[in-house]
Amino acid sequence: YYTPALMASAPKSDLALILKPLGLYNRRAKTLIKLSEEWQYWEGGDPRELYGVGKFAYDSCRIFYEIGDQDFSYVTDKELKKYIQQNNLI
């Protein structure tokens, strides 16, 4: 699914089949579809307004897209902390 429109119109059962090895596949499929529906019309702003965007996704956005944001004290996820340390972002 190359675009949010294609993902939004994807059959949930097809996505669930792809996501099955990850677990929680029905829930993940539902989340990807709803997020893609909203993403098509999102005009920017706080990504936490989008369906399915939680702390990990929000923290990731801040790390990877907010240039100049050097205060990573808000990060609690161990893998994100590891990335920050390995890439000398602190």
Protein backbone atom coordinates (compact mmCIF):
# COMPACT_ATOMS: atom_id res chain seq x y z
CA TYR A 1 0.00 0.00 0.00
CA TYR A 2 1.95 2.94 -1.35
CA THR A 3 -0.36 5.77 -0.35
CA PRO A 4 -2.61 6.58 2.60
CA ALA A 5 -5.61 6.32 0.26
CA LEU A 6 -4.68 2.78 -0.73
CA MET A 7 -4.10 1.78 2.89
CA ALA A 8 -7.38 3.38 3.96
CA SER A 9 -9.27 1.33 1.39
CA ALA A 10 -7.42 -1.93 2.07
CA PRO A 11 -9.53 -4.86 3.20
CA LYS A 12 -8.92 -5.37 6.91
CA SER A 13 -8.63 -9.12 6.35
CA ASP A 14 -5.78 -8.63 3.84
CA LEU A 15 -3.85 -6.40 6.23
CA ALA A 16 -4.49 -8.78 9.12
CA LEU A 17 -2.98 -11.62 7.10
CA ILE A 18 0.17 -9.58 6.43
CA LEU A 19 0.42 -8.50 10.08
CA LYS A 20 -0.35 -11.89 11.63
CA PRO A 21 3.31 -12.74 12.45
CA LEU A 22 3.50 -9.58 14.60
CA GLY A 23 0.55 -10.49 16.79
CA LEU A 24 -2.49 -8.33 17.54
CA TYR A 25 -3.02 -8.37 13.78
CA ASN A 26 -6.74 -7.45 13.73
CA ARG A 27 -6.13 -4.49 16.01
CA ARG A 28 -3.08 -3.35 14.03
CA ALA A 29 -4.99 -3.64 10.75
CA LYS A 30 -7.83 -1.53 12.15
CA THR A 31 -5.36 1.07 13.43
CA LEU A 32 -3.49 1.31 10.12
CA ILE A 33 -6.73 1.77 8.19
CA LYS A 34 -8.11 4.44 10.55
CA LEU A 35 -4.76 6.25 10.73
CA SER A 36 -4.52 6.27 6.93
CA GLU A 37 -8.07 7.63 6.61
CA GLU A 38 -7.18 10.54 8.90
CA TRP A 39 -3.71 11.07 7.42
CA GLN A 40 -5.19 11.85 3.99
CA TYR A 41 -6.85 14.99 5.36
CA TRP A 42 -4.45 15.89 8.14
CA GLU A 43 -3.04 19.38 7.75
CA GLY A 44 -0.20 19.01 10.20
CA GLY A 45 -0.06 20.04 13.80
CA ASP A 46 0.12 17.69 16.72
CA PRO A 47 0.47 14.11 15.42
CA ARG A 48 -1.11 12.83 18.64
CA GLU A 49 -4.43 13.96 17.19
CA LEU A 50 -4.25 11.11 14.68
CA TYR A 51 -5.78 7.74 15.51
CA GLY A 52 -3.24 5.27 16.86
CA VAL A 53 -0.44 7.74 17.49
CA GLY A 54 0.75 7.16 21.01
CA LYS A 55 3.82 8.11 23.01
CA PHE A 56 6.28 5.96 21.04
CA ALA A 57 5.18 7.32 17.66
CA TYR A 58 5.09 10.88 18.96
CA ASP A 59 8.54 10.61 20.53
CA SER A 60 9.86 9.09 17.29
CA CYS A 61 8.47 12.03 15.30
CA ARG A 62 10.19 14.45 17.62
CA ILE A 63 13.52 12.61 17.39
CA PHE A 64 13.55 12.12 13.62
CA TYR A 65 11.76 15.21 12.33
CA GLU A 66 12.19 18.10 14.73
CA ILE A 67 15.51 19.62 13.80
CA GLY A 68 17.35 21.18 16.70
CA ASP A 69 15.39 19.41 19.44
CA GLN A 70 18.25 18.27 21.67
CA ASP A 71 16.36 17.71 24.92
CA PHE A 72 15.44 14.03 24.90
CA SER A 73 14.53 13.79 28.58
CA TYR A 74 10.96 12.98 27.56
CA VAL A 75 12.00 9.67 25.94
CA THR A 76 11.18 6.62 28.04
CA ASP A 77 11.31 3.83 25.44
CA LYS A 78 14.51 1.79 25.77
CA GLU A 79 14.98 1.34 22.00
CA LEU A 80 14.57 5.05 21.32
CA LYS A 81 17.03 5.82 24.12
CA LYS A 82 19.46 3.34 22.58
CA TYR A 83 19.10 5.05 19.18
CA ILE A 84 19.73 8.45 20.75
CA GLN A 85 22.89 7.20 22.47
CA GLN A 86 24.23 5.27 19.47
CA ASN A 87 23.81 8.28 17.22
CA ASN A 88 25.31 10.75 19.69
CA LEU A 89 22.18 12.86 19.79
CA ILE A 90 22.74 13.80 23.43
